[in-house]
Protein backbone atom coordinates (compact mmCIF):
# COMPACT_ATOMS: atom_id res chain seq x y z
CA UNK A 1 109.41 94.36 85.40
CA UNK A 2 110.63 91.36 83.88
CA UNK A 3 112.99 88.61 85.66
CA UNK A 4 116.26 87.25 83.91
CA UNK A 5 116.38 83.72 83.24
CA UNK A 6 117.88 81.83 86.07
CA UNK A 7 120.89 80.80 83.87
CA UNK A 8 121.91 84.54 83.90
CA UNK A 9 121.32 85.05 87.71
CA UNK A 10 123.70 81.64 88.12
CA UNK A 11 126.19 83.58 86.36
CA UNK A 12 125.75 86.77 88.06
CA UNK A 13 125.65 84.88 91.78
CA UNK A 14 128.77 83.24 90.55
CA UNK A 15 130.83 86.53 89.64
CA UNK A 16 129.55 88.14 92.89
CA UNK A 17 131.18 85.40 94.91
CA UNK A 18 134.32 85.35 93.32
CA UNK A 19 134.39 89.29 93.06
CA UNK A 20 134.26 89.48 97.05
CA UNK A 21 137.16 86.68 97.05
CA UNK A 22 139.45 88.51 94.70
CA UNK A 23 138.92 91.80 96.35
CA UNK A 24 139.00 90.72 100.04
CA UNK A 25 141.13 87.56 100.10
CA UNK A 26 143.52 86.81 97.34
CA UNK A 27 143.62 86.53 93.71
CA UNK A 28 141.51 83.63 92.22
CA UNK A 29 143.04 81.18 90.00
CA UNK A 30 142.38 81.48 86.39
CA UNK A 31 140.94 77.99 86.15
CA UNK A 32 137.31 79.32 87.69
CA UNK A 33 137.42 82.16 85.21
CA UNK A 34 137.89 79.77 82.44
CA UNK A 35 134.94 77.71 84.27
CA UNK A 36 132.60 80.90 84.10
CA UNK A 37 133.97 81.29 80.41
CA UNK A 38 132.62 77.99 79.64
CA UNK A 39 129.43 78.38 81.24
CA UNK A 40 128.70 81.83 79.26
CA UNK A 41 129.77 80.49 75.86
CA UNK A 42 127.21 77.85 76.22
CA UNK A 43 124.06 80.35 77.32
CA UNK A 44 125.22 82.65 74.82
CA UNK A 45 126.35 80.28 72.02
CA UNK A 46 123.75 77.68 72.05
CA UNK A 47 120.64 80.23 72.83
CA UNK A 48 117.60 79.38 70.75
CA UNK A 49 115.95 82.50 69.21
CA UNK A 50 117.46 84.73 71.59
CA UNK A 51 118.81 88.38 71.45
CA UNK A 52 117.89 91.20 69.17
CA UNK A 53 119.52 90.13 66.09
CA UNK A 54 119.16 86.62 66.03
CA UNK A 55 116.82 86.71 62.91
CA UNK A 56 119.27 89.28 61.17
CA UNK A 57 122.16 86.92 61.71
CA UNK A 58 120.15 83.80 60.19
CA UNK A 59 119.76 85.83 57.11
CA UNK A 60 123.70 86.63 56.96
CA UNK A 61 124.12 82.95 57.52
CA UNK A 62 122.14 82.11 54.37
CA UNK A 63 123.37 85.11 52.36
CA UNK A 64 127.04 83.94 52.89
CA UNK A 65 126.35 80.64 51.19
CA UNK A 66 125.55 82.49 48.06
CA UNK A 67 129.25 83.90 47.89
CA UNK A 68 132.16 82.77 46.22
CA UNK A 69 135.49 82.20 47.74
CA UNK A 70 137.14 84.16 44.85
CA UNK A 71 135.03 87.39 45.73
CA UNK A 72 135.54 86.85 49.65
CA UNK A 73 139.29 86.63 49.13
CA UNK A 74 139.46 89.43 46.58
CA UNK A 75 137.77 91.34 49.16
CA UNK A 76 139.88 90.72 51.78
CA UNK A 77 142.67 91.89 49.53
CA UNK A 78 140.48 95.12 48.93
CA UNK A 79 139.65 94.23 45.39
CA UNK A 80 136.55 93.86 43.80
CA UNK A 81 135.54 90.24 42.75
CA UNK A 82 132.93 88.73 40.64
CA UNK A 83 130.13 89.13 43.16
CA UNK A 84 129.37 92.19 45.16
CA UNK A 85 130.32 92.13 49.13
CA UNK A 86 128.21 93.84 51.23
CA UNK A 87 129.53 92.47 54.40
CA UNK A 88 133.25 92.25 55.76
CA UNK A 89 135.13 89.36 54.19
CA UNK A 90 136.19 87.20 57.45
CA UNK A 91 132.67 87.14 58.88
CA UNK A 92 131.66 86.03 55.49
CA UNK A 93 134.20 83.77 55.37
CA UNK A 94 133.48 82.06 58.81
CA UNK A 95 129.85 81.59 58.03
CA UNK A 96 130.41 80.12 54.52
CA UNK A 97 132.79 77.47 55.60
CA UNK A 98 130.43 76.51 58.54
CA UNK A 99 127.37 76.16 56.26
CA UNK A 100 129.06 75.08 53.00
CA UNK A 101 131.94 72.80 54.23
CA UNK A 102 130.60 71.45 57.65
CA UNK A 103 126.60 71.77 56.70
CA UNK A 104 126.27 73.07 60.12
CA UNK A 105 122.90 74.49 61.59
CA UNK A 106 123.01 78.08 62.48
CA UNK A 107 123.28 77.55 66.38
CA UNK A 108 126.98 75.98 65.60
CA UNK A 109 127.67 79.70 64.21
CA UNK A 110 126.71 81.54 67.27
CA UNK A 111 128.50 79.02 69.23
CA UNK A 112 131.69 79.47 67.30
CA UNK A 113 131.54 83.21 67.68
CA UNK A 114 130.83 82.88 71.20
CA UNK A 115 133.59 80.88 71.94
CA UNK A 116 136.14 82.92 70.07
CA UNK A 117 134.66 86.18 71.90
CA UNK A 118 134.64 84.93 75.22
CA UNK A 119 138.30 83.52 74.86
CA UNK A 120 139.61 86.96 73.68
CA UNK A 121 137.48 88.58 76.50
CA UNK A 122 139.13 86.18 79.12
CA UNK A 123 142.74 86.88 77.85
CA UNK A 124 142.17 90.73 77.84
CA UNK A 125 140.80 91.19 81.05
CA UNK A 126 142.97 88.36 82.67
CA UNK A 127 146.06 90.50 81.23
CA UNK A 128 144.61 93.94 82.25
CA UNK A 129 143.14 93.90 85.76
CA UNK A 130 143.90 92.04 89.03
CA UNK A 131 140.03 91.88 89.47
CA UNK A 132 138.36 89.97 86.35
CA UNK A 133 135.47 88.78 88.02
CA UNK A 134 134.59 92.03 89.27
CA UNK A 135 134.96 93.49 85.79
CA UNK A 136 133.00 90.95 84.09
CA UNK A 137 130.29 91.33 86.71
CA UNK A 138 130.47 95.40 86.15
CA UNK A 139 129.94 94.81 82.45
CA UNK A 140 127.43 91.98 82.42
CA UNK A 141 124.35 94.20 82.22
CA UNK A 142 123.69 95.03 79.49
CA UNK A 143 127.21 94.56 77.87
CA UNK A 144 126.75 90.68 77.62
CA UNK A 145 123.05 90.85 76.47
CA UNK A 146 123.95 93.68 73.80
CA UNK A 147 127.36 91.97 72.67
CA UNK A 148 127.88 88.22 73.23
CA UNK A 149 124.20 87.75 73.19
CA UNK A 150 123.06 90.47 70.41
CA UNK A 151 125.37 91.98 67.96
CA UNK A 152 128.01 89.19 67.85
CA UNK A 153 129.90 90.47 64.94
CA UNK A 154 130.73 93.74 66.32
CA UNK A 155 131.45 92.19 69.43
CA UNK A 156 133.77 89.50 68.34
CA UNK A 157 135.70 92.28 66.06
CA UNK A 158 135.82 94.78 69.04
CA UNK A 159 137.51 92.11 71.45
CA UNK A 160 139.92 91.13 68.95
CA UNK A 161 141.13 94.80 68.97
CA UNK A 162 141.13 94.69 72.89
CA UNK A 163 142.94 91.47 72.78
CA UNK A 164 145.85 93.16 70.64
CA UNK A 165 146.76 95.58 73.40
CA UNK A 166 148.90 92.94 74.65
CA UNK A 167 151.17 93.81 71.38
CA UNK A 168 151.10 97.37 72.07
CA UNK A 169 152.83 96.46 75.31
CA UNK A 170 155.27 94.47 73.35
CA UNK A 171 155.67 96.92 70.86
CA UNK A 172 154.94 94.55 68.14
CA UNK A 173 153.57 96.76 65.63
CA UNK A 174 153.16 94.14 62.92
CA UNK A 175 151.05 91.76 65.08
CA UNK A 176 148.85 94.81 66.34
CA UNK A 177 148.17 95.76 62.69
CA UNK A 178 147.50 92.07 61.66
CA UNK A 179 144.96 91.82 64.69
CA UNK A 180 143.27 95.25 63.33
CA UNK A 181 143.07 93.65 59.95
CA UNK A 182 141.49 90.75 60.97
CA UNK A 183 139.06 92.58 63.53
CA UNK A 184 138.21 95.01 60.85
CA UNK A 185 137.45 91.73 58.55
CA UNK A 186 134.54 91.14 61.15
CA UNK A 187 133.47 94.57 61.53
CA UNK A 188 135.02 97.83 59.84
CA UNK A 189 134.52 99.94 62.99
CA UNK A 190 137.53 98.21 64.13
CA UNK A 191 139.72 100.57 61.61
CA UNK A 192 138.96 103.39 64.28
CA UNK A 193 141.63 101.60 66.60
CA UNK A 194 144.52 101.66 64.19
CA UNK A 195 145.87 105.01 65.71
CA UNK A 196 145.90 103.42 69.13
CA UNK A 197 149.17 102.02 68.73
CA UNK A 198 150.67 105.72 69.05
CA UNK A 199 147.87 107.26 71.03
CA UNK A 200 148.62 104.86 73.99
CA UNK A 201 152.03 106.50 73.96
CA UNK A 202 151.10 109.92 74.00
CA UNK A 203 151.99 111.66 77.21
CA UNK A 204 148.63 113.00 79.07
CA UNK A 205 148.41 114.95 82.64
CA UNK A 206 145.49 116.34 84.28
CA UNK A 207 145.48 119.49 82.57
CA UNK A 208 145.17 117.99 79.24
CA UNK A 209 142.50 115.50 79.95
CA UNK A 210 140.61 118.11 81.61
CA UNK A 211 141.02 120.49 78.45
CA UNK A 212 140.16 117.64 75.83
CA UNK A 213 137.08 116.71 77.77
CA UNK A 214 135.93 120.35 78.04
CA UNK A 215 136.66 120.80 74.51
CA UNK A 216 134.60 118.07 73.59
CA UNK A 217 131.47 119.04 75.70
CA UNK A 218 131.62 122.68 74.13
CA UNK A 219 131.96 120.99 70.69
CA UNK A 220 128.84 119.11 71.16
CA UNK A 221 126.10 121.45 69.85
CA UNK A 222 128.15 122.01 66.87
CA UNK A 223 127.95 118.62 65.30
CA UNK A 224 131.35 118.86 63.67
CA UNK A 225 131.36 115.31 62.89
CA UNK A 226 129.20 116.13 59.85
CA UNK A 227 132.30 117.25 58.24
CA UNK A 228 133.19 113.66 57.36
CA UNK A 229 130.37 113.17 55.31
CA UNK A 230 129.05 109.27 55.01
CA UNK A 231 132.60 107.97 56.25
CA UNK A 232 131.31 107.75 59.75
CA UNK A 233 128.06 106.36 58.69
CA UNK A 234 129.79 103.50 56.57
CA UNK A 235 131.82 102.76 59.81
CA UNK A 236 129.03 102.97 62.51
CA UNK A 237 126.87 100.86 60.32
CA UNK A 238 125.01 98.58 62.58
CA UNK A 239 127.73 98.72 65.33
CA UNK A 240 125.88 98.00 68.48
CA UNK A 241 128.59 97.17 70.77
CA UNK A 242 127.60 99.53 73.61
CA UNK A 243 128.83 99.57 77.22
CA UNK A 244 126.25 101.97 78.39
CA UNK A 245 122.46 101.55 77.97
CA UNK A 246 121.82 103.53 74.88
CA UNK A 247 121.20 100.29 72.95
CA UNK A 248 118.58 99.40 74.98
CA UNK A 249 117.01 102.34 75.95
CA UNK A 250 114.97 105.18 74.03
CA UNK A 251 116.65 108.36 73.38
CA UNK A 252 114.56 111.27 74.66
CA UNK A 253 114.34 114.32 72.91
CA UNK A 254 114.91 116.02 75.99
CA UNK A 255 118.18 114.22 76.57
CA UNK A 256 119.53 114.80 73.26
CA UNK A 257 118.74 118.40 73.42
CA UNK A 258 120.92 119.15 76.54
CA UNK A 259 119.30 116.69 79.38
CA UNK A 260 120.70 114.24 81.62
CA UNK A 261 120.44 110.84 81.59
CA UNK A 262 122.15 107.63 82.35
CA UNK A 263 124.90 107.91 79.60
CA UNK A 264 125.79 111.33 81.02
CA UNK A 265 126.11 109.88 84.70
CA UNK A 266 128.36 107.27 83.55
CA UNK A 267 130.55 109.77 81.79
CA UNK A 268 130.87 111.89 85.22
CA UNK A 269 131.52 108.73 86.88
CA UNK A 270 134.30 107.50 84.35
CA UNK A 271 135.52 111.27 84.38
CA UNK A 272 135.93 111.14 88.34
CA UNK A 273 137.65 108.10 88.47
CA UNK A 274 140.36 109.44 85.79
CA UNK A 275 140.95 112.38 87.72
CA UNK A 276 140.95 111.22 91.44
CA UNK A 277 143.09 108.22 90.89
CA UNK A 278 145.41 109.35 88.10
CA UNK A 279 148.67 109.81 90.34
CA UNK A 280 148.55 106.46 92.15
CA UNK A 281 147.47 104.51 88.89
CA UNK A 282 150.55 105.66 87.27
CA UNK A 283 152.85 105.09 90.06
CA UNK A 284 151.25 101.57 90.92
CA UNK A 285 149.11 99.92 88.05
CA UNK A 286 151.07 98.62 84.93
CA UNK A 287 150.33 100.29 81.65
CA UNK A 288 147.75 102.28 83.17
CA UNK A 289 148.50 105.12 81.04
CA UNK A 290 147.43 103.12 77.82
CA UNK A 291 143.94 102.86 79.11
CA UNK A 292 143.58 106.23 80.49
CA UNK A 293 144.54 107.69 77.03
CA UNK A 294 142.04 105.17 75.66
CA UNK A 295 139.41 106.60 77.98
CA UNK A 296 139.85 110.06 77.41
CA UNK A 297 139.26 109.26 73.55
CA UNK A 298 136.11 107.46 74.59
CA UNK A 299 134.99 110.31 76.58
CA UNK A 300 135.51 113.05 73.93
CA UNK A 301 134.06 111.03 71.68
CA UNK A 302 130.87 110.56 73.25
CA UNK A 303 130.41 114.23 73.56
CA UNK A 304 131.38 115.31 70.39
CA UNK A 305 128.79 112.85 68.56
CA UNK A 306 126.25 113.33 71.65
CA UNK A 307 123.59 114.89 69.29
CA UNK A 308 123.58 111.67 67.09
CA UNK A 309 122.75 108.77 69.29
CA UNK A 310 124.11 106.22 66.87
CA UNK A 311 127.56 107.84 67.02
CA UNK A 312 127.46 108.45 70.51
CA UNK A 313 126.49 105.18 71.63
CA UNK A 314 128.06 103.02 68.71
CA UNK A 315 131.34 104.27 67.89
CA UNK A 316 132.18 106.06 71.37
CA UNK A 317 130.93 102.80 73.03
CA UNK A 318 133.89 100.86 71.62
CA UNK A 319 136.26 103.18 73.37
CA UNK A 320 134.42 103.31 76.79
CA UNK A 321 135.28 100.06 78.03
CA UNK A 322 138.65 101.30 78.23
CA UNK A 323 137.71 103.50 81.19
CA UNK A 324 135.38 101.01 82.82
CA UNK A 325 138.48 98.79 83.47
CA UNK A 326 139.87 101.70 85.63
CA UNK A 327 137.11 101.86 87.87
CA UNK A 328 137.89 98.01 89.27
CA UNK A 329 141.62 98.61 88.98
CA UNK A 330 141.56 101.87 91.14
CA UNK A 331 141.07 99.33 94.14
CA UNK A 332 144.56 97.94 93.63
CA UNK A 333 146.10 101.29 94.26
CA UNK A 334 143.92 102.67 97.48
CA UNK A 335 143.79 101.88 101.03
CA UNK A 336 141.38 98.90 102.29
CA UNK A 337 138.71 101.34 103.36
CA UNK A 338 138.72 103.16 99.68
CA UNK A 339 138.74 99.61 98.35
CA UNK A 340 135.61 98.85 100.24
CA UNK A 341 133.84 102.18 99.09
CA UNK A 342 135.01 101.40 95.17
CA UNK A 343 133.89 97.81 95.35
CA UNK A 344 130.52 98.61 96.98
CA UNK A 345 129.99 101.36 94.49
CA UNK A 346 130.69 98.98 91.77
CA UNK A 347 127.95 96.08 93.45
CA UNK A 348 125.52 98.99 93.70
CA UNK A 349 125.92 100.04 89.85
CA UNK A 350 125.41 96.29 89.08
CA UNK A 351 122.02 95.99 91.30
CA UNK A 352 121.21 99.49 89.57
CA UNK A 353 122.03 97.90 85.82
CA UNK A 354 119.83 94.78 86.98
CA UNK A 355 116.77 96.76 88.10
CA UNK A 356 116.85 99.21 85.06
CA UNK A 357 117.36 96.74 82.45
CA UNK A 358 114.73 94.40 83.84
CA UNK A 359 112.40 97.21 83.39
CA UNK A 360 112.84 97.71 79.62
CA UNK A 361 110.69 96.20 77.21
CA UNK A 362 113.98 94.77 75.25
CA UNK A 363 114.57 92.13 78.06
CA UNK A 364 111.44 90.53 76.49
CA UNK A 365 111.92 91.44 72.58
CA UNK A 366 115.62 89.76 73.09
CA UNK A 367 113.81 86.86 74.96
CA UNK A 368 116.17 86.79 77.70
CA UNK A 369 113.27 86.44 80.38
CA UNK A 370 112.54 82.99 82.66
CA UNK A 371 109.75 82.55 80.26
CA UNK A 372 110.91 83.18 76.95
CA UNK A 373 114.89 82.30 76.99
CA UNK A 374 115.68 78.91 75.30
CA UNK A 375 118.59 76.91 74.90
CA UNK A 376 119.62 74.05 72.39
CA UNK A 377 121.52 72.07 75.31
CA UNK A 378 120.34 73.33 78.58
CA UNK A 379 116.79 72.48 79.73
C-alpha cells in the first residue's frame, strides 16, 4: 500500500470537517467552497509530471502548434480544412493560443484547464446539492485523480455539460445547445448528452425504472451495442472520466463473464437509493427528477455495455455522476437518525476508496504518492 501525498490528505481533511458542519450544523458559506476550489486548482493545475496522461497531453500541446487557425475554425464548422484535425477543435485552439500567442510552458495549460473545470464543477455542485463538501469528498477518490489530475480534456468537457443543467432548469434550449457544442469541442463524448434536455422531463416512476434496469441487465450478454458499429468507438475514444474504479483497476475475466466487483456493488447502491428515496425526493428536493432520469440512463448504460470494459466505464461513467449526487441529497429528505446513517455510509465509502486506491499500482504510476508527487509552486 502506498500513501497519498499530504497535499491530497489535507484536502480530504478539509472536506471532511466541512462535511460534518454542513450535515449536522448549518449550510457552509460558499466562500469556503471557493477556498477549496483554489487549493485543488493548484495541486491539479500546477502538478509536475503527475497524472496518468501527463506525457500524452504534452504531445498534444506540441501537436496543436502545428495546426493553422483556418483548419481549427473550419473543424468547428464541421468542415475539412487544409490540415487534418485528429482532435476536437476547441481543445486544440486552447493549446495553440497558449503556446503560439503566449509562449506559455505546458503547466500553464494544465493550470488553465484545471481552473475552468473546477469552477464549472463548483457551480454545478452548488446548484444541485445542499451538501457540496460531502459530495466532492465522495467523488474525490478516484475521481479527482482520473479526472482533474488525469484525463483533463474529458473532465473539462463533461463538467461543461453538467454546468449546462442550469439551462435545462431555465428551459433555455439555445444556451444548452451552445454548452453541448462547446463541450463537444473539448471531447466528442459530450454529444451523448444532447438528448438530455428532453430526457430530463420524461415522466418516470418506480415501475419504469425497475423495468428499464432489469431489461438492461438481461440485455447485457447480447452486446447489443455492436449494432452501432464504429460509432461508439469514435465517441468513446480515450474518454476515461469514470466515477467508479474501472479506470484504475484491471478488469478480471471472471467479472466480465458474470462475476461481481466494485462497479456492480456501486450499481446496487445507486439503485437502492433510487428506489428507497424516490418518493420523498420528488416531494422535497428541487429538480430531483432530472438527476433521477440521468441516473437511470447511466445504470442502464453500464449494464448494456458491461461486456465491454471501455464502454461500461467510459461511456456509462459520464452519466453515473448524476446518480452519485442523489446519495448525499437523500440526507435532505430524511429524519436526523437516517441522515446520520447515510452520512456515516458515505464516510465509510470514502475510507474504503482511500484504502483500495492506495493498494493499486496506479497510484505510483500516476505519481500521486508522498515520494513522487511534484508541484511547480508548492514545495
